[in-house]
C-alpha atoms as a PDB file:
ATOM      1  CA  MET A   1     -43.061 -60.147 -62.679  1.00  0.00           C
ATOM      2  CA  SER A   2     -46.720 -59.488 -61.940  1.00  0.00           C
ATOM      3  CA  PRO A   3     -49.750 -59.909 -64.210  1.00  0.00           C
ATOM      4  CA  SER A   4     -52.912 -57.817 -64.338  1.00  0.00           C
ATOM      5  CA  THR A   5     -54.666 -60.448 -62.209  1.00  0.00           C
ATOM      6  CA  LEU A   6     -53.200 -58.606 -59.211  1.00  0.00           C
ATOM      7  CA  ALA A   7     -55.832 -55.945 -59.909  1.00  0.00           C
ATOM      8  CA  THR A   8     -58.707 -58.293 -60.790  1.00  0.00           C
ATOM      9  CA  ASN A   9     -58.209 -61.048 -58.189  1.00  0.00           C
ATOM     10  CA  PRO A  10     -59.632 -59.033 -55.266  1.00  0.00           C
ATOM     11  CA  ALA A  11     -62.924 -58.849 -57.171  1.00  0.00           C
ATOM     12  CA  SER A  12     -62.879 -62.578 -57.952  1.00  0.00           C
ATOM     13  CA  TYR A  13     -61.688 -64.318 -54.782  1.00  0.00           C
ATOM     14  CA  LYS A  14     -62.988 -64.095 -51.221  1.00  0.00           C
ATOM     15  CA  LYS A  15     -59.706 -64.981 -49.543  1.00  0.00           C
ATOM     16  CA  MET A  16     -56.531 -63.252 -50.649  1.00  0.00           C
ATOM     17  CA  LEU A  17     -53.214 -64.117 -49.010  1.00  0.00           C
ATOM     18  CA  TYR A  18     -51.775 -60.734 -49.897  1.00  0.00           C
ATOM     19  CA  ASP A  19     -52.706 -57.132 -50.617  1.00  0.00           C
ATOM     20  CA  ALA A  20     -51.001 -56.132 -53.856  1.00  0.00           C
ATOM     21  CA  LEU A  21     -51.124 -52.425 -53.035  1.00  0.00           C
ATOM     22  CA  ARG A  22     -49.696 -52.934 -49.547  1.00  0.00           C
ATOM     23  CA  ASP A  23     -47.317 -55.873 -49.846  1.00  0.00           C
ATOM     24  CA  PHE A  24     -45.357 -54.926 -52.968  1.00  0.00           C
ATOM     25  CA  ALA A  25     -43.181 -52.046 -54.121  1.00  0.00           C
ATOM     26  CA  PRO A  26     -43.847 -51.177 -57.781  1.00  0.00           C
ATOM     27  CA  ILE A  27     -40.804 -50.908 -60.058  1.00  0.00           C
ATOM     28  CA  THR A  28     -42.298 -50.503 -63.537  1.00  0.00           C
ATOM     29  CA  GLN A  29     -45.208 -51.556 -65.693  1.00  0.00           C
ATOM     30  CA  THR A  30     -43.357 -53.467 -68.373  1.00  0.00           C
ATOM     31  CA  LEU A  31     -45.998 -53.972 -71.051  1.00  0.00           C
ATOM     32  CA  PHE A  32     -49.649 -54.300 -71.955  1.00  0.00           C
ATOM     33  CA  VAL A  33     -51.656 -56.268 -74.467  1.00  0.00           C
ATOM     34  CA  ALA A  34     -55.143 -55.491 -75.715  1.00  0.00           C
ATOM     35  CA  ASN A  35     -58.027 -57.899 -75.986  1.00  0.00           C
ATOM     36  CA  LEU A  36     -59.909 -58.243 -79.245  1.00  0.00           C
ATOM     37  CA  ILE A  37     -63.700 -58.452 -79.068  1.00  0.00           C
ATOM     38  CA  VAL A  38     -65.059 -60.683 -81.822  1.00  0.00           C
ATOM     39  CA  ILE A  39     -68.498 -61.959 -82.821  1.00  0.00           C
ATOM     40  CA  HIS A  40     -69.830 -64.799 -84.957  1.00  0.00           C
ATOM     41  CA  PRO A  41     -70.312 -63.665 -88.578  1.00  0.00           C
ATOM     42  CA  SER A  42     -73.933 -64.846 -88.601  1.00  0.00           C
ATOM     43  CA  LEU A  43     -74.829 -61.796 -86.513  1.00  0.00           C
ATOM     44  CA  PRO A  44     -75.959 -58.848 -88.644  1.00  0.00           C
ATOM     45  CA  ALA A  45     -73.859 -56.330 -86.686  1.00  0.00           C
ATOM     46  CA  LYS A  46     -70.723 -55.076 -88.406  1.00  0.00           C
ATOM     47  CA  SER A  47     -69.642 -52.475 -85.852  1.00  0.00           C
ATOM     48  CA  VAL A  48     -69.758 -51.727 -82.136  1.00  0.00           C
ATOM     49  CA  LYS A  49     -72.739 -49.411 -82.579  1.00  0.00           C
ATOM     50  CA  GLU A  50     -74.654 -51.971 -84.630  1.00  0.00           C
ATOM     51  CA  PHE A  51     -73.921 -54.719 -82.114  1.00  0.00           C
ATOM     52  CA  ILE A  52     -75.105 -52.559 -79.222  1.00  0.00           C
ATOM     53  CA  ALA A  53     -78.378 -51.855 -81.035  1.00  0.00           C
ATOM     54  CA  PHE A  54     -78.744 -55.570 -81.823  1.00  0.00           C
ATOM     55  CA  ALA A  55     -78.088 -56.582 -78.200  1.00  0.00           C
ATOM     56  CA  ARG A  56     -80.391 -53.950 -76.709  1.00  0.00           C
ATOM     57  CA  ALA A  57     -83.237 -55.425 -78.728  1.00  0.00           C
ATOM     58  CA  ARG A  58     -82.449 -58.899 -77.286  1.00  0.00           C
ATOM     59  CA  PRO A  59     -81.742 -58.498 -73.551  1.00  0.00           C
ATOM     60  CA  GLY A  60     -80.503 -61.718 -71.965  1.00  0.00           C
ATOM     61  CA  GLU A  61     -80.478 -63.645 -75.248  1.00  0.00           C
ATOM     62  CA  ILE A  62     -76.877 -63.265 -76.428  1.00  0.00           C
ATOM     63  CA  LEU A  63     -74.324 -65.752 -75.081  1.00  0.00           C
ATOM     64  CA  TYR A  64     -70.732 -64.637 -74.628  1.00  0.00           C
ATOM     65  CA  ALA A  65     -67.688 -66.752 -73.785  1.00  0.00           C
ATOM     66  CA  SER A  66     -64.853 -65.889 -71.421  1.00  0.00           C
ATOM     67  CA  ALA A  67     -61.721 -67.593 -70.109  1.00  0.00           C
ATOM     68  CA  GLY A  68     -63.450 -68.153 -66.770  1.00  0.00           C
ATOM     69  CA  HIS A  69     -65.147 -66.517 -63.797  1.00  0.00           C
ATOM     70  CA  GLY A  70     -63.521 -63.234 -62.825  1.00  0.00           C
ATOM     71  CA  THR A  71     -60.846 -63.387 -65.520  1.00  0.00           C
ATOM     72  CA  ASN A  72     -59.744 -60.342 -67.470  1.00  0.00           C
ATOM     73  CA  PRO A  73     -61.809 -61.336 -70.558  1.00  0.00           C
ATOM     74  CA  HIS A  74     -64.880 -61.810 -68.333  1.00  0.00           C
ATOM     75  CA  LEU A  75     -64.495 -58.367 -66.773  1.00  0.00           C
ATOM     76  CA  THR A  76     -63.554 -56.859 -70.149  1.00  0.00           C
ATOM     77  CA  ILE A  77     -66.902 -57.912 -71.610  1.00  0.00           C
ATOM     78  CA  GLU A  78     -68.843 -56.925 -68.493  1.00  0.00           C
ATOM     79  CA  LEU A  79     -67.333 -53.433 -68.710  1.00  0.00           C
ATOM     80  CA  PHE A  80     -68.397 -53.330 -72.363  1.00  0.00           C
ATOM     81  CA  ALA A  81     -71.934 -54.447 -71.456  1.00  0.00           C
ATOM     82  CA  SER A  82     -72.193 -51.953 -68.604  1.00  0.00           C
ATOM     83  CA  MET A  83     -71.074 -48.989 -70.691  1.00  0.00           C
ATOM     84  CA  ALA A  84     -73.264 -50.077 -73.624  1.00  0.00           C
ATOM     85  CA  LYS A  85     -76.265 -50.685 -71.341  1.00  0.00           C
ATOM     86  CA  ILE A  86     -76.850 -54.192 -72.676  1.00  0.00           C
ATOM     87  CA  ARG A  87     -77.438 -57.516 -70.905  1.00  0.00           C
ATOM     88  CA  MET A  88     -75.843 -60.749 -72.110  1.00  0.00           C
ATOM     89  CA  VAL A  89     -75.408 -64.258 -70.673  1.00  0.00           C
ATOM     90  CA  HIS A  90     -71.941 -65.282 -69.504  1.00  0.00           C
ATOM     91  CA  VAL A  91     -70.610 -68.721 -70.475  1.00  0.00           C
ATOM     92  CA  PRO A  92     -67.331 -69.334 -68.592  1.00  0.00           C
ATOM     93  CA  TYR A  93     -64.729 -71.730 -69.986  1.00  0.00           C
ATOM     94  CA  LYS A  94     -61.436 -73.037 -68.635  1.00  0.00           C
ATOM     95  CA  GLY A  95     -59.235 -70.774 -70.725  1.00  0.00           C
ATOM     96  CA  SER A  96     -59.820 -68.700 -73.851  1.00  0.00           C
ATOM     97  CA  LEU A  97     -59.352 -71.368 -76.532  1.00  0.00           C
ATOM     98  CA  PRO A  98     -62.511 -73.436 -75.796  1.00  0.00           C
ATOM     99  CA  GLY A  99     -64.581 -70.262 -76.032  1.00  0.00           C
ATOM    100  CA  VAL A 100     -62.981 -69.408 -79.369  1.00  0.00           C
ATOM    101  CA  VAL A 101     -63.810 -72.909 -80.634  1.00  0.00           C
ATOM    102  CA  ASP A 102     -67.451 -72.523 -79.595  1.00  0.00           C
ATOM    103  CA  LEU A 103     -67.623 -69.081 -81.195  1.00  0.00           C
ATOM    104  CA  LEU A 104     -66.409 -70.568 -84.481  1.00  0.00           C
ATOM    105  CA  ALA A 105     -69.084 -73.260 -84.139  1.00  0.00           C
ATOM    106  CA  GLY A 106     -71.777 -70.661 -83.483  1.00  0.00           C
ATOM    107  CA  ARG A 107     -72.586 -71.914 -79.977  1.00  0.00           C
ATOM    108  CA  VAL A 108     -71.767 -68.494 -78.495  1.00  0.00           C
ATOM    109  CA  ALA A 109     -72.066 -65.115 -80.187  1.00  0.00           C
ATOM    110  CA  LEU A 110     -69.170 -63.119 -78.737  1.00  0.00           C
ATOM    111  CA  THR A 111     -65.868 -63.460 -76.930  1.00  0.00           C
ATOM    112  CA  ALA A 112     -62.760 -61.455 -76.079  1.00  0.00           C
ATOM    113  CA  THR A 113     -59.165 -62.588 -75.776  1.00  0.00           C
ATOM    114  CA  SER A 114     -55.655 -61.183 -75.907  1.00  0.00           C
ATOM    115  CA  SER A 115     -54.440 -64.208 -77.913  1.00  0.00           C
ATOM    116  CA  MET A 116     -54.681 -62.359 -81.207  1.00  0.00           C
ATOM    117  CA  SER A 117     -52.437 -64.840 -82.988  1.00  0.00           C
ATOM    118  CA  ASN A 118     -55.235 -67.391 -82.502  1.00  0.00           C
ATOM    119  CA  LEU A 119     -57.891 -65.012 -83.830  1.00  0.00           C
ATOM    120  CA  ILE A 120     -56.251 -63.244 -86.762  1.00  0.00           C
ATOM    121  CA  PRO A 121     -56.417 -66.219 -89.201  1.00  0.00           C
ATOM    122  CA  HIS A 122     -60.157 -66.592 -88.500  1.00  0.00           C
ATOM    123  CA  VAL A 123     -60.726 -62.844 -88.819  1.00  0.00           C
ATOM    124  CA  ARG A 124     -58.989 -62.821 -92.195  1.00  0.00           C
ATOM    125  CA  THR A 125     -61.026 -65.772 -93.493  1.00  0.00           C
ATOM    126  CA  GLY A 126     -64.293 -64.270 -92.254  1.00  0.00           C
ATOM    127  CA  ARG A 127     -65.028 -67.009 -89.718  1.00  0.00           C
ATOM    128  CA  MET A 128     -65.296 -64.368 -86.995  1.00  0.00           C
ATOM    129  CA  ARG A 129     -65.877 -60.630 -87.140  1.00  0.00           C
ATOM    130  CA  PRO A 130     -63.867 -58.155 -85.042  1.00  0.00           C
ATOM    131  CA  LEU A 131     -65.803 -55.431 -83.257  1.00  0.00           C
ATOM    132  CA  GLY A 132     -62.895 -53.601 -81.702  1.00  0.00           C
ATOM    133  CA  VAL A 133     -59.601 -53.567 -79.850  1.00  0.00           C
ATOM    134  CA  THR A 134     -59.963 -52.921 -76.124  1.00  0.00           C
ATOM    135  CA  ALA A 135     -56.892 -50.692 -75.697  1.00  0.00           C
ATOM    136  CA  ALA A 136     -56.892 -46.909 -76.048  1.00  0.00           C
ATOM    137  CA  THR A 137     -54.999 -47.188 -79.342  1.00  0.00           C
ATOM    138  CA  ARG A 138     -55.185 -49.562 -82.290  1.00  0.00           C
ATOM    139  CA  THR A 139     -52.903 -52.568 -82.403  1.00  0.00           C
ATOM    140  CA  PRO A 140     -50.255 -52.904 -85.141  1.00  0.00           C
ATOM    141  CA  ALA A 141     -51.335 -56.540 -85.499  1.00  0.00           C
ATOM    142  CA  LEU A 142     -54.749 -55.407 -86.845  1.00  0.00           C
ATOM    143  CA  PRO A 143     -54.338 -51.759 -87.870  1.00  0.00           C
ATOM    144  CA  ASP A 144     -57.689 -51.613 -89.690  1.00  0.00           C
ATOM    145  CA  VAL A 145     -59.685 -52.665 -86.621  1.00  0.00           C
ATOM    146  CA  PRO A 146     -60.803 -49.648 -84.554  1.00  0.00           C
ATOM    147  CA  THR A 147     -60.634 -49.404 -80.801  1.00  0.00           C
ATOM    148  CA  VAL A 148     -63.902 -49.982 -78.969  1.00  0.00           C
ATOM    149  CA  ALA A 149     -63.719 -46.371 -77.772  1.00  0.00           C
ATOM    150  CA  GLU A 150     -63.480 -44.878 -81.251  1.00  0.00           C
ATOM    151  CA  ALA A 151     -66.071 -47.308 -82.629  1.00  0.00           C
ATOM    152  CA  GLY A 152     -68.865 -46.302 -80.290  1.00  0.00           C
ATOM    153  CA  LEU A 153     -67.994 -46.398 -76.562  1.00  0.00           C
ATOM    154  CA  PRO A 154     -65.892 -43.321 -75.726  1.00  0.00           C
ATOM    155  CA  GLY A 155     -63.683 -43.851 -72.689  1.00  0.00           C
ATOM    156  CA  TYR A 156     -63.716 -47.636 -72.917  1.00  0.00           C
ATOM    157  CA  GLU A 157     -60.383 -49.330 -72.177  1.00  0.00           C
ATOM    158  CA  ALA A 158     -59.520 -52.785 -70.848  1.00  0.00           C
ATOM    159  CA  VAL A 159     -56.068 -54.310 -71.218  1.00  0.00           C
ATOM    160  CA  GLN A 160     -53.986 -57.080 -69.748  1.00  0.00           C
ATOM    161  CA  TRP A 161     -50.633 -55.978 -68.400  1.00  0.00           C
ATOM    162  CA  SER A 162     -47.461 -57.072 -66.684  1.00  0.00           C
ATOM    163  CA  GLY A 163     -45.082 -55.288 -64.383  1.00  0.00           C
ATOM    164  CA  LEU A 164     -42.129 -55.735 -62.083  1.00  0.00           C
ATOM    165  CA  LEU A 165     -42.596 -55.619 -58.308  1.00  0.00           C
ATOM    166  CA  ALA A 166     -40.345 -55.995 -55.287  1.00  0.00           C
ATOM    167  CA  PRO A 167     -41.297 -56.780 -51.681  1.00  0.00           C
ATOM    168  CA  ALA A 168     -42.661 -53.807 -49.750  1.00  0.00           C
ATOM    169  CA  GLY A 169     -39.882 -52.007 -47.922  1.00  0.00           C
ATOM    170  CA  THR A 170     -37.242 -52.625 -50.586  1.00  0.00           C
ATOM    171  CA  PRO A 171     -34.725 -49.730 -50.405  1.00  0.00           C
ATOM    172  CA  ARG A 172     -35.344 -46.937 -52.880  1.00  0.00           C
ATOM    173  CA  GLU A 173     -31.840 -47.262 -54.332  1.00  0.00           C
ATOM    174  CA  ILE A 174     -32.535 -50.870 -55.323  1.00  0.00           C
ATOM    175  CA  ILE A 175     -35.909 -49.936 -56.840  1.00  0.00           C
ATOM    176  CA  SER A 176     -34.241 -47.168 -58.860  1.00  0.00           C
ATOM    177  CA  THR A 177     -31.458 -49.432 -60.110  1.00  0.00           C
ATOM    178  CA  LEU A 178     -33.866 -52.185 -61.146  1.00  0.00           C
ATOM    179  CA  HIS A 179     -36.119 -49.652 -62.854  1.00  0.00           C
ATOM    180  CA  LYS A 180     -33.260 -48.167 -64.856  1.00  0.00           C
ATOM    181  CA  GLU A 181     -31.951 -51.555 -66.003  1.00  0.00           C
ATOM    182  CA  VAL A 182     -35.340 -53.055 -66.906  1.00  0.00           C
ATOM    183  CA  VAL A 183     -36.569 -49.997 -68.811  1.00  0.00           C
ATOM    184  CA  ALA A 184     -33.315 -49.868 -70.774  1.00  0.00           C
ATOM    185  CA  ILE A 185     -33.825 -53.486 -71.850  1.00  0.00           C
ATOM    186  CA  LEU A 186     -37.486 -52.917 -72.743  1.00  0.00           C
ATOM    187  CA  HIS A 187     -36.586 -50.064 -75.060  1.00  0.00           C
ATOM    188  CA  THR A 188     -33.934 -51.904 -77.038  1.00  0.00           C
ATOM    189  CA  PRO A 189     -34.957 -52.381 -80.694  1.00  0.00           C
ATOM    190  CA  GLU A 190     -34.726 -56.160 -80.309  1.00  0.00           C
ATOM    191  CA  ALA A 191     -37.096 -56.279 -77.334  1.00  0.00           C
ATOM    192  CA  ARG A 192     -39.606 -53.866 -78.863  1.00  0.00           C
ATOM    193  CA  GLU A 193     -39.666 -55.795 -82.141  1.00  0.00           C
ATOM    194  CA  ARG A 194     -40.116 -59.195 -80.512  1.00  0.00           C
ATOM    195  CA  LEU A 195     -42.898 -57.913 -78.275  1.00  0.00           C
ATOM    196  CA  ALA A 196     -44.642 -56.084 -81.129  1.00  0.00           C
ATOM    197  CA  ASN A 197     -44.672 -59.293 -83.164  1.00  0.00           C
ATOM    198  CA  ILE A 198     -46.915 -60.911 -80.560  1.00  0.00           C
ATOM    199  CA  GLY A 199     -49.201 -57.886 -80.190  1.00  0.00           C
ATOM    200  CA  THR A 200     -47.589 -56.600 -77.002  1.00  0.00           C
ATOM    201  CA  GLU A 201     -46.672 -52.975 -76.372  1.00  0.00           C
ATOM    202  CA  VAL A 202     -43.871 -51.694 -74.141  1.00  0.00           C
ATOM    203  CA  VAL A 203     -44.642 -49.268 -71.298  1.00  0.00           C
ATOM    204  CA  GLY A 204     -41.653 -48.786 -68.967  1.00  0.00           C
ATOM    205  CA  SER A 205     -43.396 -46.458 -66.499  1.00  0.00           C
ATOM    206  CA  SER A 206     -41.883 -44.957 -63.360  1.00  0.00           C
ATOM    207  CA  PRO A 207     -42.462 -46.626 -59.956  1.00  0.00           C
ATOM    208  CA  GLU A 208     -44.858 -43.824 -59.027  1.00  0.00           C
ATOM    209  CA  GLU A 209     -46.801 -44.135 -62.278  1.00  0.00           C
ATOM    210  CA  PHE A 210     -47.043 -47.901 -61.871  1.00  0.00           C
ATOM    211  CA  ALA A 211     -48.276 -47.564 -58.274  1.00  0.00           C
ATOM    212  CA  ALA A 212     -50.998 -45.136 -59.370  1.00  0.00           C
ATOM    213  CA  PHE A 213     -51.935 -47.378 -62.302  1.00  0.00           C
ATOM    214  CA  MET A 214     -52.280 -50.459 -60.075  1.00  0.00           C
ATOM    215  CA  LYS A 215     -54.526 -48.576 -57.672  1.00  0.00           C
ATOM    216  CA  THR A 216     -56.704 -47.276 -60.504  1.00  0.00           C
ATOM    217  CA  GLU A 217     -57.004 -50.754 -62.036  1.00  0.00           C
ATOM    218  CA  THR A 218     -57.920 -52.374 -58.703  1.00  0.00           C
ATOM    219  CA  VAL A 219     -60.663 -49.829 -58.030  1.00  0.00           C
ATOM    220  CA  LYS A 220     -61.919 -50.009 -61.620  1.00  0.00           C
ATOM    221  CA  TRP A 221     -62.332 -53.784 -61.734  1.00  0.00           C
ATOM    222  CA  ALA A 222     -63.881 -53.953 -58.270  1.00  0.00           C
ATOM    223  CA  ARG A 223     -66.499 -51.474 -59.479  1.00  0.00           C
ATOM    224  CA  VAL A 224     -67.127 -53.464 -62.680  1.00  0.00           C
ATOM    225  CA  ALA A 225     -67.482 -56.736 -60.752  1.00  0.00           C
ATOM    226  CA  LYS A 226     -69.910 -55.193 -58.274  1.00  0.00           C
ATOM    227  CA  ALA A 227     -72.038 -53.632 -61.011  1.00  0.00           C
ATOM    228  CA  ALA A 228     -72.162 -56.960 -62.865  1.00  0.00           C
ATOM    229  CA  GLY A 229     -73.094 -58.890 -59.733  1.00  0.00           C
ATOM    230  CA  ILE A 230     -69.952 -61.044 -59.929  1.00  0.00           C
ATOM    231  CA  GLN A 231     -69.619 -62.844 -56.604  1.00  0.00           C
ATOM    232  CA  PRO A 232     -66.106 -63.637 -55.325  1.00  0.00           C
ATOM    233  CA  GLU A 233     -65.480 -67.377 -55.125  1.00  0.00           C
END
């Protein structure tokens, strides 16, 4: 099983012991999960458009938290900033939870995380305000929260995903058999329900679709990292 870090790691690390596009044979993208971008309720903005206007008037003043340098939440927010033409200050943490804690305390103004179960109680009590879901479609976990794209940044999308890979050179018959079995399991009512309950959506793409998706993601995040001046460590 592979996570979306296969696509973001080349932009974050100088030395890679593997090339994900060369060294693996894609079987299927199994699932994806959106991030939720949230802000502290003391900010006057109540939508993506209002936040962008607020941030443009305060370049370099707004602090945002991420799960760490080069992580998906970090790049997710940098893509948002790039498309919105705003400049914020990155505060990296070791994981998403410390950033959420500091957002609740008002020490940072914005964060993004896929751990919606940790955010939903605070959203419902008004201790943080959701700006948008980072996927192309709304999440069943928060159906009233718009996507970032529909709320003001058309074309915006940033998700975390998982997929199944085999070593490069694995015979096609084996790839096909694994694909058929895994996709069948993913589409059982039990699997779909359990995954939906934690805000995760099933994909079950073909090997060719997954290969194209991985390439697109790798190029996309390399471009975002370069534009944001993120230096590989």
